Amino acid sequence: MSFLKKLFGLDGASSEPGKPAVAETQEHEGYTIAATPFENAGRWQLSGIISKDIDGVRKEHSFIRADAFATRDEAVSMVFFKARQIIELQGDSFLR
């Protein structure tokens, strides 16, 4: 069944190769936070992307944390929490 899910794109994988699947996005103080948790050994790994347009150029920062959760919804919620922490503590300095 897993093979069929991947074949037909029903596994939550991104449609673009090399791009993580975005579960949900939020805006926070001019930044866009994209939650991109992924399943790893039966748990959901905390992963996200923070982006912002600066002088007409899109800057991004991807992050993965060791935190893993039983459900995808828990992981998504914590992605937003961690991303807001990064933004509050570091401002634009972490963006590439």
Protein backbone atom coordinates (compact mmCIF):
# COMPACT_ATOMS: atom_id res chain seq x y z
CA MET A 1 0.00 0.00 0.00
CA SER A 2 2.85 2.40 0.79
CA PHE A 3 4.12 2.04 -2.76
CA LEU A 4 0.68 2.98 -4.14
CA LYS A 5 0.43 5.99 -1.84
CA LYS A 6 3.79 7.27 -3.07
CA LEU A 7 2.91 6.52 -6.68
CA PHE A 8 -0.30 8.53 -6.50
CA GLY A 9 1.01 11.25 -4.19
CA LEU A 10 -1.17 10.30 -1.24
CA ASP A 11 1.63 10.04 1.31
CA GLY A 12 1.93 13.80 1.98
CA ALA A 13 5.15 14.04 -0.01
CA SER A 14 5.94 17.22 -1.87
CA SER A 15 5.06 17.39 -5.55
CA GLU A 16 8.42 19.06 -6.20
CA PRO A 17 11.51 16.86 -5.82
CA GLY A 18 13.87 18.15 -3.14
CA LYS A 19 11.18 20.31 -1.52
CA PRO A 20 9.59 19.24 1.77
CA ALA A 21 5.82 18.84 1.94
CA VAL A 22 4.24 21.85 3.67
CA ALA A 23 1.59 20.84 6.18
CA GLU A 24 0.49 24.36 7.13
CA THR A 25 1.75 27.95 7.12
CA GLN A 26 1.44 30.92 9.48
CA GLU A 27 2.52 34.56 9.36
CA HIS A 28 4.43 36.05 12.29
CA GLU A 29 5.88 39.59 12.39
CA GLY A 30 6.44 39.72 8.62
CA TYR A 31 7.84 36.18 8.39
CA THR A 32 6.17 33.17 6.82
CA ILE A 33 6.53 29.96 8.78
CA ALA A 34 5.95 26.70 6.89
CA ALA A 35 5.56 23.54 8.96
CA THR A 36 7.21 20.61 7.17
CA PRO A 37 7.17 17.74 9.69
CA PHE A 38 8.07 14.32 8.33
CA GLU A 39 7.53 10.81 9.55
CA ASN A 40 10.62 9.13 10.95
CA ALA A 41 10.55 5.70 12.62
CA GLY A 42 6.83 6.00 13.40
CA ARG A 43 7.12 9.48 14.93
CA TRP A 44 6.77 12.97 13.46
CA GLN A 45 10.02 14.93 13.31
CA LEU A 46 9.90 18.69 13.95
CA SER A 47 10.90 20.48 10.73
CA GLY A 48 10.08 23.87 9.24
CA ILE A 49 11.04 26.75 6.99
CA ILE A 50 11.07 30.43 7.98
CA SER A 51 11.07 32.92 5.10
CA LYS A 52 10.84 36.67 4.57
CA ASP A 53 11.16 39.07 1.65
CA ILE A 54 14.02 41.51 2.30
CA ASP A 55 14.67 44.22 -0.31
CA GLY A 56 12.72 42.22 -2.89
CA VAL A 57 14.71 39.04 -2.28
CA ARG A 58 13.16 35.96 -0.65
CA LYS A 59 15.38 34.75 2.23
CA GLU A 60 14.84 31.35 3.88
CA HIS A 61 16.02 29.34 6.82
CA SER A 62 15.23 25.62 7.12
CA PHE A 63 15.41 23.93 10.49
CA ILE A 64 15.04 20.43 11.88
CA ARG A 65 15.01 19.65 15.57
CA ALA A 66 15.52 16.36 17.39
CA ASP A 67 12.03 16.67 18.87
CA ALA A 68 9.65 13.96 17.64
CA PHE A 69 5.93 13.65 18.30
CA ALA A 70 3.26 10.97 18.22
CA THR A 71 1.01 12.94 15.85
CA ARG A 72 1.53 15.21 12.88
CA ASP A 73 -0.67 17.89 14.47
CA GLU A 74 1.56 18.01 17.57
CA ALA A 75 4.63 18.40 15.37
CA VAL A 76 3.01 21.19 13.33
CA SER A 77 2.06 23.07 16.49
CA MET A 78 5.60 22.82 17.85
CA VAL A 79 7.11 23.95 14.52
CA PHE A 80 5.25 27.24 14.89
CA PHE A 81 6.32 27.57 18.53
CA LYS A 82 10.01 26.91 17.74
CA ALA A 83 9.98 29.18 14.67
CA ARG A 84 8.55 32.07 16.71
CA GLN A 85 11.33 31.50 19.26
CA ILE A 86 13.97 31.66 16.51
CA ILE A 87 12.46 34.86 15.11
CA GLU A 88 12.22 36.52 18.55
CA LEU A 89 15.76 35.60 19.54
CA GLN A 90 17.61 36.18 16.26
CA GLY A 91 15.64 38.63 14.13
CA ASP A 92 16.82 38.60 10.48
CA SER A 93 20.33 37.36 11.30
CA PHE A 94 19.52 33.69 10.60
CA LEU A 95 18.10 34.25 7.10
CA ARG A 96 20.18 33.37 4.00
